[in-house]
């Protein structure tokens, strides 16, 4: 699944729609996003699928496993569409392998700004989209799943690994802390006290068995704004049923001063605190891991790691107390 931009090619086409088929061929050949005009809202056009029907491919039982693939995209889009939440329209999907040796889809091009650039350039113009995004988040939050995990897995009757959302996050936070400590001496020097803080915060999280629908990585760069000012969620393959505080810890981090209008109230404070620290540790370990290789935007990754490293260290009692 390639990354989303103003448009996305998660795949392919059908012979009956030769224009889209040609777009898919070019996308596969060039490994770039495909741009296709959106269908008329009154056309009644349905996504065309080529290739024989088949059982959904396994999506993995790990909650934070890589989110990529046509099955994940279709399941996520279906769930959001049923709730009336805007995503790029799926025009065509192809699993036959005749156009490219991969599952393919062609999705709507949504011209215009993403919410990040609009907030930076013209916050007043962004305000209606922010209000609609807050409404969408409220709808997602109220849509409960029977188990936690990616929607494709849950819809298929599967279960994600782990006893609870907080246990999954705790295990991941410990792993991220170990990885970060291996790459930065400041984290290494504070490994044991940070581990104690992580464990203490997790222990204060009450048991819960209700899970809302969350995007999983909903920064303003993953929200396009269409011609009608509607927010359009992209990079949706990681959509899952999980604690909504995980989503809001990320929203608060990414939206910064603009987050207040998205918070919505009745969030569990202990979960927010614990998940915020876990998020910071993830955003130290992840960028440092990328810097082990030849990732091109090295200064950006170093900046992300450095900012989140400082935030993580601030959770130590000697810095700012235990932030309860």
C-alpha atoms as a PDB file:
ATOM      1  CA  UNK A   1       0.000   0.000   0.000  1.00  0.00           C
ATOM      2  CA  UNK A   2       1.647   3.275  -1.013  1.00  0.00           C
ATOM      3  CA  UNK A   3       1.354   6.353   1.129  1.00  0.00           C
ATOM      4  CA  UNK A   4      -1.574   8.708   0.788  1.00  0.00           C
ATOM      5  CA  UNK A   5      -1.151  12.213  -0.474  1.00  0.00           C
ATOM      6  CA  UNK A   6      -3.638  14.358  -2.293  1.00  0.00           C
ATOM      7  CA  UNK A   7      -4.626  11.131  -3.945  1.00  0.00           C
ATOM      8  CA  UNK A   8      -3.774   7.522  -3.312  1.00  0.00           C
ATOM      9  CA  UNK A   9      -3.206   4.347  -5.236  1.00  0.00           C
ATOM     10  CA  UNK A  10      -3.659   1.421  -2.946  1.00  0.00           C
ATOM     11  CA  UNK A  11      -4.178  -0.403  -6.127  1.00  0.00           C
ATOM     12  CA  UNK A  12      -5.906  -1.040  -9.279  1.00  0.00           C
ATOM     13  CA  UNK A  13      -8.571  -1.365 -11.846  1.00  0.00           C
ATOM     14  CA  UNK A  14     -10.927  -3.179 -14.196  1.00  0.00           C
ATOM     15  CA  UNK A  15     -10.962  -3.608 -17.966  1.00  0.00           C
ATOM     16  CA  UNK A  16     -14.389  -2.003 -18.097  1.00  0.00           C
ATOM     17  CA  UNK A  17     -12.840   1.166 -16.748  1.00  0.00           C
ATOM     18  CA  UNK A  18      -9.876   1.508 -19.069  1.00  0.00           C
ATOM     19  CA  UNK A  19      -8.913   4.972 -17.841  1.00  0.00           C
ATOM     20  CA  UNK A  20      -8.602   3.744 -14.273  1.00  0.00           C
ATOM     21  CA  UNK A  21      -6.837   0.618 -15.443  1.00  0.00           C
ATOM     22  CA  UNK A  22      -4.242   2.716 -17.242  1.00  0.00           C
ATOM     23  CA  UNK A  23      -3.835   4.859 -14.124  1.00  0.00           C
ATOM     24  CA  UNK A  24      -3.234   1.721 -12.092  1.00  0.00           C
ATOM     25  CA  UNK A  25      -0.637   0.448 -14.552  1.00  0.00           C
ATOM     26  CA  UNK A  26       1.211   3.737 -14.334  1.00  0.00           C
ATOM     27  CA  UNK A  27       0.998   3.696 -10.540  1.00  0.00           C
ATOM     28  CA  UNK A  28       2.466   0.214 -10.404  1.00  0.00           C
ATOM     29  CA  UNK A  29       5.215   1.011 -12.904  1.00  0.00           C
ATOM     30  CA  UNK A  30       6.206   4.324 -11.360  1.00  0.00           C
ATOM     31  CA  UNK A  31       5.481   3.390  -7.715  1.00  0.00           C
ATOM     32  CA  UNK A  32       3.714   6.711  -7.279  1.00  0.00           C
ATOM     33  CA  UNK A  33       0.211   7.780  -6.286  1.00  0.00           C
ATOM     34  CA  UNK A  34      -2.526   7.670  -8.894  1.00  0.00           C
ATOM     35  CA  UNK A  35      -4.702  10.689  -9.570  1.00  0.00           C
ATOM     36  CA  UNK A  36      -8.203  10.054 -10.856  1.00  0.00           C
ATOM     37  CA  UNK A  37     -11.182  12.410 -10.907  1.00  0.00           C
ATOM     38  CA  UNK A  38     -13.832  11.710  -8.284  1.00  0.00           C
ATOM     39  CA  UNK A  39     -17.096  10.284  -9.579  1.00  0.00           C
ATOM     40  CA  UNK A  40     -20.220  12.406  -9.631  1.00  0.00           C
ATOM     41  CA  UNK A  41     -22.112  12.215  -6.354  1.00  0.00           C
ATOM     42  CA  UNK A  42     -25.240  11.386  -8.346  1.00  0.00           C
ATOM     43  CA  UNK A  43     -23.705   8.831 -10.661  1.00  0.00           C
ATOM     44  CA  UNK A  44     -24.351   5.847  -8.415  1.00  0.00           C
ATOM     45  CA  UNK A  45     -20.994   4.404  -9.459  1.00  0.00           C
ATOM     46  CA  UNK A  46     -19.940   1.495  -7.272  1.00  0.00           C
ATOM     47  CA  UNK A  47     -16.362   0.283  -6.826  1.00  0.00           C
ATOM     48  CA  UNK A  48     -15.557  -2.399  -9.391  1.00  0.00           C
ATOM     49  CA  UNK A  49     -13.588  -5.401  -8.204  1.00  0.00           C
ATOM     50  CA  UNK A  50     -11.763  -7.772 -10.521  1.00  0.00           C
ATOM     51  CA  UNK A  51     -10.470 -11.202  -9.674  1.00  0.00           C
ATOM     52  CA  UNK A  52     -12.314 -14.026  -7.933  1.00  0.00           C
ATOM     53  CA  UNK A  53     -13.750 -13.497  -4.441  1.00  0.00           C
ATOM     54  CA  UNK A  54     -11.543 -14.795  -1.673  1.00  0.00           C
ATOM     55  CA  UNK A  55     -11.377 -14.920   2.073  1.00  0.00           C
ATOM     56  CA  UNK A  56      -9.777 -11.854   3.687  1.00  0.00           C
ATOM     57  CA  UNK A  57      -6.028 -12.143   4.032  1.00  0.00           C
ATOM     58  CA  UNK A  58      -4.722 -12.510   7.577  1.00  0.00           C
ATOM     59  CA  UNK A  59      -4.084  -9.099   9.088  1.00  0.00           C
ATOM     60  CA  UNK A  60      -2.038 -10.237  12.057  1.00  0.00           C
ATOM     61  CA  UNK A  61      -3.151 -10.415  15.648  1.00  0.00           C
ATOM     62  CA  UNK A  62      -0.707  -7.829  16.962  1.00  0.00           C
ATOM     63  CA  UNK A  63      -2.485  -4.550  17.605  1.00  0.00           C
ATOM     64  CA  UNK A  64       0.422  -2.420  16.407  1.00  0.00           C
ATOM     65  CA  UNK A  65       1.523  -4.665  13.549  1.00  0.00           C
ATOM     66  CA  UNK A  66       2.290  -2.818  10.278  1.00  0.00           C
ATOM     67  CA  UNK A  67      -0.906  -1.436   8.759  1.00  0.00           C
ATOM     68  CA  UNK A  68      -0.678  -2.057   5.044  1.00  0.00           C
ATOM     69  CA  UNK A  69      -2.779  -3.922   2.531  1.00  0.00           C
ATOM     70  CA  UNK A  70      -5.969  -3.775   0.513  1.00  0.00           C
ATOM     71  CA  UNK A  71      -7.946  -5.847   3.023  1.00  0.00           C
ATOM     72  CA  UNK A  72      -7.118  -3.417   5.814  1.00  0.00           C
ATOM     73  CA  UNK A  73      -7.972  -0.449   3.607  1.00  0.00           C
ATOM     74  CA  UNK A  74     -11.330  -1.854   2.537  1.00  0.00           C
ATOM     75  CA  UNK A  75     -12.332  -2.852   6.076  1.00  0.00           C
ATOM     76  CA  UNK A  76     -11.369   0.551   7.440  1.00  0.00           C
ATOM     77  CA  UNK A  77     -13.156   2.431   4.698  1.00  0.00           C
ATOM     78  CA  UNK A  78     -16.279   0.299   5.099  1.00  0.00           C
ATOM     79  CA  UNK A  79     -16.471   0.980   8.835  1.00  0.00           C
ATOM     80  CA  UNK A  80     -15.932   4.719   8.433  1.00  0.00           C
ATOM     81  CA  UNK A  81     -18.356   4.983   5.517  1.00  0.00           C
ATOM     82  CA  UNK A  82     -21.080   3.264   7.554  1.00  0.00           C
ATOM     83  CA  UNK A  83     -20.626   5.933  10.221  1.00  0.00           C
ATOM     84  CA  UNK A  84     -20.863   8.741   7.657  1.00  0.00           C
ATOM     85  CA  UNK A  85     -17.197   9.696   8.017  1.00  0.00           C
ATOM     86  CA  UNK A  86     -15.559  10.938   4.836  1.00  0.00           C
ATOM     87  CA  UNK A  87     -12.636   9.057   3.313  1.00  0.00           C
ATOM     88  CA  UNK A  88     -11.446   9.016  -0.322  1.00  0.00           C
ATOM     89  CA  UNK A  89     -13.927   7.062  -2.405  1.00  0.00           C
ATOM     90  CA  UNK A  90     -12.778   3.658  -3.576  1.00  0.00           C
ATOM     91  CA  UNK A  91     -13.236   3.655  -7.346  1.00  0.00           C
ATOM     92  CA  UNK A  92     -11.773   0.316  -8.334  1.00  0.00           C
ATOM     93  CA  UNK A  93     -10.041  -2.613  -6.690  1.00  0.00           C
ATOM     94  CA  UNK A  94      -8.132  -5.448  -8.339  1.00  0.00           C
ATOM     95  CA  UNK A  95      -6.853  -8.644  -6.764  1.00  0.00           C
ATOM     96  CA  UNK A  96      -6.334 -10.541 -10.017  1.00  0.00           C
ATOM     97  CA  UNK A  97      -2.648  -9.656 -10.441  1.00  0.00           C
ATOM     98  CA  UNK A  98      -3.297  -8.898 -14.120  1.00  0.00           C
ATOM     99  CA  UNK A  99      -2.348  -5.217 -13.834  1.00  0.00           C
ATOM    100  CA  UNK A 100       0.453  -5.505 -11.306  1.00  0.00           C
ATOM    101  CA  UNK A 101       1.866  -8.309  -9.152  1.00  0.00           C
ATOM    102  CA  UNK A 102       0.073  -6.906  -6.115  1.00  0.00           C
ATOM    103  CA  UNK A 103      -3.395  -6.055  -4.872  1.00  0.00           C
ATOM    104  CA  UNK A 104      -4.363  -2.715  -6.384  1.00  0.00           C
ATOM    105  CA  UNK A 105      -6.989  -0.019  -5.907  1.00  0.00           C
ATOM    106  CA  UNK A 106      -7.704   3.370  -7.387  1.00  0.00           C
ATOM    107  CA  UNK A 107      -9.186   5.929  -5.034  1.00  0.00           C
ATOM    108  CA  UNK A 108     -10.574   9.412  -5.371  1.00  0.00           C
ATOM    109  CA  UNK A 109      -8.270  12.387  -5.715  1.00  0.00           C
ATOM    110  CA  UNK A 110      -9.116  15.016  -3.106  1.00  0.00           C
ATOM    111  CA  UNK A 111      -7.565  18.261  -4.352  1.00  0.00           C
ATOM    112  CA  UNK A 112      -6.736  20.989  -1.896  1.00  0.00           C
ATOM    113  CA  UNK A 113      -4.864  21.393   1.367  1.00  0.00           C
ATOM    114  CA  UNK A 114      -4.386  19.011   4.193  1.00  0.00           C
ATOM    115  CA  UNK A 115      -5.478  20.266   7.594  1.00  0.00           C
ATOM    116  CA  UNK A 116      -1.915  20.790   8.763  1.00  0.00           C
ATOM    117  CA  UNK A 117      -1.095  23.325   6.062  1.00  0.00           C
ATOM    118  CA  UNK A 118      -4.503  24.991   6.396  1.00  0.00           C
ATOM    119  CA  UNK A 119      -4.094  25.447  10.152  1.00  0.00           C
ATOM    120  CA  UNK A 120      -0.666  26.938   9.596  1.00  0.00           C
ATOM    121  CA  UNK A 121      -1.714  29.286   6.794  1.00  0.00           C
ATOM    122  CA  UNK A 122      -5.311  30.223   7.615  1.00  0.00           C
ATOM    123  CA  UNK A 123      -6.665  28.987  10.978  1.00  0.00           C
ATOM    124  CA  UNK A 124      -9.985  30.776  10.425  1.00  0.00           C
ATOM    125  CA  UNK A 125     -10.598  28.841   7.213  1.00  0.00           C
ATOM    126  CA  UNK A 126      -9.625  25.642   8.972  1.00  0.00           C
ATOM    127  CA  UNK A 127     -12.141  26.167  11.789  1.00  0.00           C
ATOM    128  CA  UNK A 128     -15.184  24.549  10.058  1.00  0.00           C
ATOM    129  CA  UNK A 129     -13.128  21.475   9.141  1.00  0.00           C
ATOM    130  CA  UNK A 130     -11.859  21.256  12.726  1.00  0.00           C
ATOM    131  CA  UNK A 131     -15.423  21.390  14.032  1.00  0.00           C
ATOM    132  CA  UNK A 132     -16.485  18.627  11.649  1.00  0.00           C
ATOM    133  CA  UNK A 133     -13.445  16.577  12.594  1.00  0.00           C
ATOM    134  CA  UNK A 134     -14.429  16.899  16.260  1.00  0.00           C
ATOM    135  CA  UNK A 135     -17.905  15.602  15.347  1.00  0.00           C
ATOM    136  CA  UNK A 136     -16.383  12.670  13.451  1.00  0.00           C
ATOM    137  CA  UNK A 137     -14.162  11.810  16.418  1.00  0.00           C
ATOM    138  CA  UNK A 138     -17.220  11.827  18.651  1.00  0.00           C
ATOM    139  CA  UNK A 139     -19.000   9.406  16.334  1.00  0.00           C
ATOM    140  CA  UNK A 140     -15.960   7.105  16.191  1.00  0.00           C
ATOM    141  CA  UNK A 141     -15.601   7.234  19.934  1.00  0.00           C
ATOM    142  CA  UNK A 142     -19.209   6.171  20.407  1.00  0.00           C
ATOM    143  CA  UNK A 143     -18.912   3.239  18.005  1.00  0.00           C
ATOM    144  CA  UNK A 144     -17.929   0.379  20.305  1.00  0.00           C
ATOM    145  CA  UNK A 145     -16.247  -2.823  19.182  1.00  0.00           C
ATOM    146  CA  UNK A 146     -16.641  -6.222  20.860  1.00  0.00           C
ATOM    147  CA  UNK A 147     -12.853  -6.649  21.158  1.00  0.00           C
ATOM    148  CA  UNK A 148      -9.804  -4.498  20.579  1.00  0.00           C
ATOM    149  CA  UNK A 149      -7.685  -4.808  17.447  1.00  0.00           C
ATOM    150  CA  UNK A 150      -7.653  -3.740  13.816  1.00  0.00           C
ATOM    151  CA  UNK A 151     -11.150  -3.554  12.362  1.00  0.00           C
ATOM    152  CA  UNK A 152     -10.377  -6.114   9.639  1.00  0.00           C
ATOM    153  CA  UNK A 153      -9.404  -8.603  12.332  1.00  0.00           C
ATOM    154  CA  UNK A 154     -12.350  -7.840  14.630  1.00  0.00           C
ATOM    155  CA  UNK A 155     -14.867  -7.798  11.767  1.00  0.00           C
ATOM    156  CA  UNK A 156     -13.647 -11.272  10.842  1.00  0.00           C
ATOM    157  CA  UNK A 157     -14.234 -12.554  14.364  1.00  0.00           C
ATOM    158  CA  UNK A 158     -10.569 -12.467  15.349  1.00  0.00           C
ATOM    159  CA  UNK A 159      -8.945 -11.222  18.533  1.00  0.00           C
ATOM    160  CA  UNK A 160      -5.835  -9.153  19.024  1.00  0.00           C
ATOM    161  CA  UNK A 161      -2.994 -10.406  21.181  1.00  0.00           C
ATOM    162  CA  UNK A 162      -2.836  -9.087  24.727  1.00  0.00           C
ATOM    163  CA  UNK A 163      -5.019  -9.129  27.816  1.00  0.00           C
ATOM    164  CA  UNK A 164      -6.004  -5.459  27.564  1.00  0.00           C
ATOM    165  CA  UNK A 165      -5.233  -2.242  25.706  1.00  0.00           C
ATOM    166  CA  UNK A 166      -3.137  -0.954  28.602  1.00  0.00           C
ATOM    167  CA  UNK A 167      -1.123  -4.199  28.710  1.00  0.00           C
ATOM    168  CA  UNK A 168      -0.411  -3.961  24.978  1.00  0.00           C
ATOM    169  CA  UNK A 169       0.770  -0.361  25.417  1.00  0.00           C
ATOM    170  CA  UNK A 170       2.828  -1.277  28.504  1.00  0.00           C
ATOM    171  CA  UNK A 171       4.660  -4.059  26.678  1.00  0.00           C
ATOM    172  CA  UNK A 172       5.326  -1.757  23.753  1.00  0.00           C
ATOM    173  CA  UNK A 173       6.527   1.065  26.026  1.00  0.00           C
ATOM    174  CA  UNK A 174       9.025  -1.252  27.733  1.00  0.00           C
ATOM    175  CA  UNK A 175      10.316  -2.397  24.332  1.00  0.00           C
ATOM    176  CA  UNK A 176      10.615   1.206  23.099  1.00  0.00           C
ATOM    177  CA  UNK A 177      12.433   2.206  26.279  1.00  0.00           C
ATOM    178  CA  UNK A 178      14.941  -0.623  25.828  1.00  0.00           C
ATOM    179  CA  UNK A 179      15.489   0.291  22.168  1.00  0.00           C
ATOM    180  CA  UNK A 180      15.885   3.998  22.914  1.00  0.00           C
ATOM    181  CA  UNK A 181      18.326   3.284  25.765  1.00  0.00           C
ATOM    182  CA  UNK A 182      20.504   1.292  23.379  1.00  0.00           C
ATOM    183  CA  UNK A 183      20.779   4.320  21.094  1.00  0.00           C
ATOM    184  CA  UNK A 184      20.900   7.349  23.404  1.00  0.00           C
ATOM    185  CA  UNK A 185      23.027   7.655  26.567  1.00  0.00           C
ATOM    186  CA  UNK A 186      20.562  10.009  28.289  1.00  0.00           C
ATOM    187  CA  UNK A 187      17.784   7.431  28.059  1.00  0.00           C
ATOM    188  CA  UNK A 188      20.249   4.702  29.052  1.00  0.00           C
ATOM    189  CA  UNK A 189      21.197   6.662  32.193  1.00  0.00           C
ATOM    190  CA  UNK A 190      17.517   7.025  33.131  1.00  0.00           C
ATOM    191  CA  UNK A 191      16.334   3.594  31.983  1.00  0.00           C
ATOM    192  CA  UNK A 192      15.485   2.151  35.399  1.00  0.00           C
ATOM    193  CA  UNK A 193      13.645   5.192  36.833  1.00  0.00           C
ATOM    194  CA  UNK A 194      11.762   5.626  33.548  1.00  0.00           C
ATOM    195  CA  UNK A 195      10.753   1.978  33.611  1.00  0.00           C
ATOM    196  CA  UNK A 196       9.452   2.433  37.160  1.00  0.00           C
ATOM    197  CA  UNK A 197       7.418   5.487  36.127  1.00  0.00           C
ATOM    198  CA  UNK A 198       5.959   3.620  33.146  1.00  0.00           C
ATOM    199  CA  UNK A 199       4.970   0.723  35.380  1.00  0.00           C
ATOM    200  CA  UNK A 200       3.513   2.988  38.068  1.00  0.00           C
ATOM    201  CA  UNK A 201       1.398   4.918  35.541  1.00  0.00           C
ATOM    202  CA  UNK A 202       0.133   1.688  33.977  1.00  0.00           C
ATOM    203  CA  UNK A 203      -0.847   0.337  37.406  1.00  0.00           C
ATOM    204  CA  UNK A 204      -3.186   3.302  37.933  1.00  0.00           C
ATOM    205  CA  UNK A 205      -5.194   2.573  34.783  1.00  0.00           C
ATOM    206  CA  UNK A 206      -8.549   0.973  35.670  1.00  0.00           C
ATOM    207  CA  UNK A 207      -9.833  -2.089  33.858  1.00  0.00           C
ATOM    208  CA  UNK A 208     -12.014  -1.421  30.818  1.00  0.00           C
ATOM    209  CA  UNK A 209     -13.857  -3.628  28.345  1.00  0.00           C
ATOM    210  CA  UNK A 210     -15.328  -1.032  25.965  1.00  0.00           C
ATOM    211  CA  UNK A 211     -13.313   0.017  22.926  1.00  0.00           C
ATOM    212  CA  UNK A 212     -13.977   2.917  20.579  1.00  0.00           C
ATOM    213  CA  UNK A 213     -12.981   3.272  16.945  1.00  0.00           C
ATOM    214  CA  UNK A 214      -9.636   5.045  16.508  1.00  0.00           C
ATOM    215  CA  UNK A 215      -7.588   6.017  13.477  1.00  0.00           C
ATOM    216  CA  UNK A 216      -4.346   5.271  15.288  1.00  0.00           C
ATOM    217  CA  UNK A 217      -2.185   8.013  13.774  1.00  0.00           C
ATOM    218  CA  UNK A 218      -4.478  10.961  13.253  1.00  0.00           C
ATOM    219  CA  UNK A 219      -2.246  13.955  12.781  1.00  0.00           C
ATOM    220  CA  UNK A 220      -3.394  17.012  10.794  1.00  0.00           C
ATOM    221  CA  UNK A 221      -1.361  15.717   7.846  1.00  0.00           C
ATOM    222  CA  UNK A 222      -3.688  12.701   7.682  1.00  0.00           C
ATOM    223  CA  UNK A 223      -6.761  14.876   7.215  1.00  0.00           C
ATOM    224  CA  UNK A 224      -7.462  16.371   3.798  1.00  0.00           C
ATOM    225  CA  UNK A 225     -10.029  19.148   3.366  1.00  0.00           C
ATOM    226  CA  UNK A 226     -12.302  18.813   0.342  1.00  0.00           C
ATOM    227  CA  UNK A 227     -13.963  21.580  -1.683  1.00  0.00           C
ATOM    228  CA  UNK A 228     -16.927  21.612   0.711  1.00  0.00           C
ATOM    229  CA  UNK A 229     -14.696  22.063   3.745  1.00  0.00           C
ATOM    230  CA  UNK A 230     -15.258  18.479   4.877  1.00  0.00           C
ATOM    231  CA  UNK A 231     -12.382  16.665   6.605  1.00  0.00           C
ATOM    232  CA  UNK A 232     -11.321  13.543   4.690  1.00  0.00           C
ATOM    233  CA  UNK A 233      -9.418  10.919   6.678  1.00  0.00           C
ATOM    234  CA  UNK A 234      -6.535   9.219   4.877  1.00  0.00           C
ATOM    235  CA  UNK A 235      -3.928   6.582   5.816  1.00  0.00           C
ATOM    236  CA  UNK A 236      -6.796   4.673   7.388  1.00  0.00           C
ATOM    237  CA  UNK A 237      -5.379   1.134   7.195  1.00  0.00           C
ATOM    238  CA  UNK A 238      -4.486   1.181  10.897  1.00  0.00           C
ATOM    239  CA  UNK A 239      -8.099   1.815  11.967  1.00  0.00           C
ATOM    240  CA  UNK A 240      -8.830  -0.228  15.071  1.00  0.00           C
ATOM    241  CA  UNK A 241     -10.995  -0.671  18.114  1.00  0.00           C
ATOM    242  CA  UNK A 242      -8.933   0.505  21.070  1.00  0.00           C
ATOM    243  CA  UNK A 243      -8.888   2.911  23.999  1.00  0.00           C
ATOM    244  CA  UNK A 244      -9.829   6.328  22.641  1.00  0.00           C
ATOM    245  CA  UNK A 245      -7.232   7.880  24.954  1.00  0.00           C
ATOM    246  CA  UNK A 246      -4.530   6.384  22.735  1.00  0.00           C
ATOM    247  CA  UNK A 247      -5.937   8.412  19.851  1.00  0.00           C
ATOM    248  CA  UNK A 248      -6.231  11.544  21.961  1.00  0.00           C
ATOM    249  CA  UNK A 249      -2.699  11.310  23.325  1.00  0.00           C
ATOM    250  CA  UNK A 250      -1.524  11.426  19.712  1.00  0.00           C
ATOM    251  CA  UNK A 251      -4.028  14.135  18.729  1.00  0.00           C
ATOM    252  CA  UNK A 252      -2.870  16.360  21.583  1.00  0.00           C
ATOM    253  CA  UNK A 253       0.745  15.840  20.601  1.00  0.00           C
ATOM    254  CA  UNK A 254       0.202  16.540  16.888  1.00  0.00           C
ATOM    255  CA  UNK A 255      -2.425  19.289  16.991  1.00  0.00           C
ATOM    256  CA  UNK A 256      -0.789  21.208  19.845  1.00  0.00           C
ATOM    257  CA  UNK A 257      -2.570  24.504  20.497  1.00  0.00           C
ATOM    258  CA  UNK A 258      -5.417  23.455  18.200  1.00  0.00           C
ATOM    259  CA  UNK A 259      -6.223  20.290  20.153  1.00  0.00           C
ATOM    260  CA  UNK A 260      -8.674  21.831  22.668  1.00  0.00           C
ATOM    261  CA  UNK A 261     -11.571  21.752  20.205  1.00  0.00           C
ATOM    262  CA  UNK A 262     -11.034  18.028  19.589  1.00  0.00           C
ATOM    263  CA  UNK A 263     -10.794  16.770  23.175  1.00  0.00           C
ATOM    264  CA  UNK A 264     -14.506  16.083  23.695  1.00  0.00           C
ATOM    265  CA  UNK A 265     -14.367  15.514  27.480  1.00  0.00           C
ATOM    266  CA  UNK A 266     -14.823  12.341  29.615  1.00  0.00           C
ATOM    267  CA  UNK A 267     -11.378  10.954  28.832  1.00  0.00           C
ATOM    268  CA  UNK A 268      -9.688   8.888  31.531  1.00  0.00           C
ATOM    269  CA  UNK A 269      -6.911  11.041  32.977  1.00  0.00           C
ATOM    270  CA  UNK A 270      -4.754   8.110  34.117  1.00  0.00           C
ATOM    271  CA  UNK A 271      -4.902   6.553  30.659  1.00  0.00           C
ATOM    272  CA  UNK A 272      -4.063   9.855  29.002  1.00  0.00           C
ATOM    273  CA  UNK A 273      -0.990  10.308  31.213  1.00  0.00           C
ATOM    274  CA  UNK A 274       0.244   6.752  30.738  1.00  0.00           C
ATOM    275  CA  UNK A 275      -0.416   6.735  26.991  1.00  0.00           C
ATOM    276  CA  UNK A 276       1.257  10.122  26.568  1.00  0.00           C
ATOM    277  CA  UNK A 277       4.506   8.841  28.088  1.00  0.00           C
ATOM    278  CA  UNK A 278       4.262   5.657  26.020  1.00  0.00           C
ATOM    279  CA  UNK A 279       3.751   7.784  22.913  1.00  0.00           C
ATOM    280  CA  UNK A 280       6.851   9.871  23.686  1.00  0.00           C
ATOM    281  CA  UNK A 281       8.963   6.731  24.142  1.00  0.00           C
ATOM    282  CA  UNK A 282       7.695   5.396  20.825  1.00  0.00           C
ATOM    283  CA  UNK A 283       8.615   8.685  19.148  1.00  0.00           C
ATOM    284  CA  UNK A 284      12.128   8.416  20.513  1.00  0.00           C
ATOM    285  CA  UNK A 285      12.732   4.778  19.629  1.00  0.00           C
ATOM    286  CA  UNK A 286      11.137   4.911  16.165  1.00  0.00           C
ATOM    287  CA  UNK A 287      13.129   7.854  14.743  1.00  0.00           C
ATOM    288  CA  UNK A 288      16.377   6.594  16.280  1.00  0.00           C
ATOM    289  CA  UNK A 289      15.741   3.216  14.681  1.00  0.00           C
ATOM    290  CA  UNK A 290      15.286   4.907  11.286  1.00  0.00           C
ATOM    291  CA  UNK A 291      18.548   6.758  11.756  1.00  0.00           C
ATOM    292  CA  UNK A 292      20.357   3.405  11.956  1.00  0.00           C
ATOM    293  CA  UNK A 293      19.784   3.185   8.203  1.00  0.00           C
ATOM    294  CA  UNK A 294      19.979   5.657   5.337  1.00  0.00           C
ATOM    295  CA  UNK A 295      16.716   7.513   6.012  1.00  0.00           C
ATOM    296  CA  UNK A 296      17.023  10.760   3.992  1.00  0.00           C
ATOM    297  CA  UNK A 297      15.359  13.356   6.270  1.00  0.00           C
ATOM    298  CA  UNK A 298      17.788  12.832   9.105  1.00  0.00           C
ATOM    299  CA  UNK A 299      17.488  16.249  10.721  1.00  0.00           C
ATOM    300  CA  UNK A 300      13.714  15.863  10.923  1.00  0.00           C
ATOM    301  CA  UNK A 301      14.020  12.472  12.603  1.00  0.00           C
ATOM    302  CA  UNK A 302      16.651  13.751  15.019  1.00  0.00           C
ATOM    303  CA  UNK A 303      14.391  16.664  15.911  1.00  0.00           C
ATOM    304  CA  UNK A 304      11.414  14.389  16.595  1.00  0.00           C
ATOM    305  CA  UNK A 305      13.532  12.072  18.731  1.00  0.00           C
ATOM    306  CA  UNK A 306      15.078  14.970  20.652  1.00  0.00           C
ATOM    307  CA  UNK A 307      11.761  16.702  21.391  1.00  0.00           C
ATOM    308  CA  UNK A 308      10.155  13.484  22.613  1.00  0.00           C
ATOM    309  CA  UNK A 309      13.205  12.462  24.591  1.00  0.00           C
ATOM    310  CA  UNK A 310      12.969  15.694  26.590  1.00  0.00           C
ATOM    311  CA  UNK A 311       9.238  15.154  27.117  1.00  0.00           C
ATOM    312  CA  UNK A 312       9.811  11.585  28.317  1.00  0.00           C
ATOM    313  CA  UNK A 313      12.535  12.645  30.771  1.00  0.00           C
ATOM    314  CA  UNK A 314      10.184  15.295  32.150  1.00  0.00           C
ATOM    315  CA  UNK A 315       8.045  12.474  33.557  1.00  0.00           C
ATOM    316  CA  UNK A 316      10.808  11.591  36.023  1.00  0.00           C
ATOM    317  CA  UNK A 317      10.043  12.741  39.581  1.00  0.00           C
ATOM    318  CA  UNK A 318      13.243  14.781  39.713  1.00  0.00           C
ATOM    319  CA  UNK A 319      12.037  16.762  36.682  1.00  0.00           C
ATOM    320  CA  UNK A 320       8.375  17.616  37.112  1.00  0.00           C
ATOM    321  CA  UNK A 321       6.958  15.174  39.601  1.00  0.00           C
ATOM    322  CA  UNK A 322       4.974  12.158  38.503  1.00  0.00           C
ATOM    323  CA  UNK A 323       2.443  14.164  36.444  1.00  0.00           C
ATOM    324  CA  UNK A 324      -0.651  12.540  37.895  1.00  0.00           C
END
